[in-house]
Amino acid sequence: MLAIPFYLGFLMAFTLATVAIYLALVKIELI
């Protein structure tokens, strides 16, 4: 039962990390 929340948490963290990296790259391109 713990596998589902763990997977969702990992997926959410991975998504946030991807968005953060994308925004960082956009800022570098804009500067």
Protein backbone atom coordinates (compact mmCIF):
# COMPACT_ATOMS: atom_id res chain seq x y z
CA MET A 1 0.00 0.00 0.00
CA LEU A 2 2.94 2.32 0.64
CA ALA A 3 4.20 1.88 -2.91
CA ILE A 4 1.52 4.12 -4.48
CA PRO A 5 2.05 7.25 -2.30
CA PHE A 6 5.83 6.77 -2.62
CA TYR A 7 5.54 6.58 -6.41
CA LEU A 8 3.30 9.65 -6.53
CA GLY A 9 5.70 11.57 -4.29
CA PHE A 10 8.66 10.57 -6.48
CA LEU A 11 6.77 11.56 -9.64
CA MET A 12 5.78 14.92 -8.13
CA ALA A 13 9.36 15.61 -6.98
CA PHE A 14 10.70 14.65 -10.42
CA THR A 15 8.19 16.96 -12.11
CA LEU A 16 9.07 19.89 -9.82
CA ALA A 17 12.78 19.29 -10.43
CA THR A 18 12.24 19.22 -14.20
CA VAL A 19 10.23 22.47 -14.08
CA ALA A 20 12.90 24.12 -11.89
CA ILE A 21 15.68 23.14 -14.33
CA TYR A 22 13.58 24.32 -17.29
CA LEU A 23 12.93 27.70 -15.64
CA ALA A 24 16.64 28.04 -14.83
CA LEU A 25 17.54 27.38 -18.47
CA VAL A 26 14.95 29.93 -19.61
CA LYS A 27 16.42 32.56 -17.26
CA ILE A 28 19.92 31.86 -18.60
CA GLU A 29 18.65 32.26 -22.18
CA LEU A 30 16.87 35.52 -21.32
CA ILE A 31 19.92 37.08 -19.69
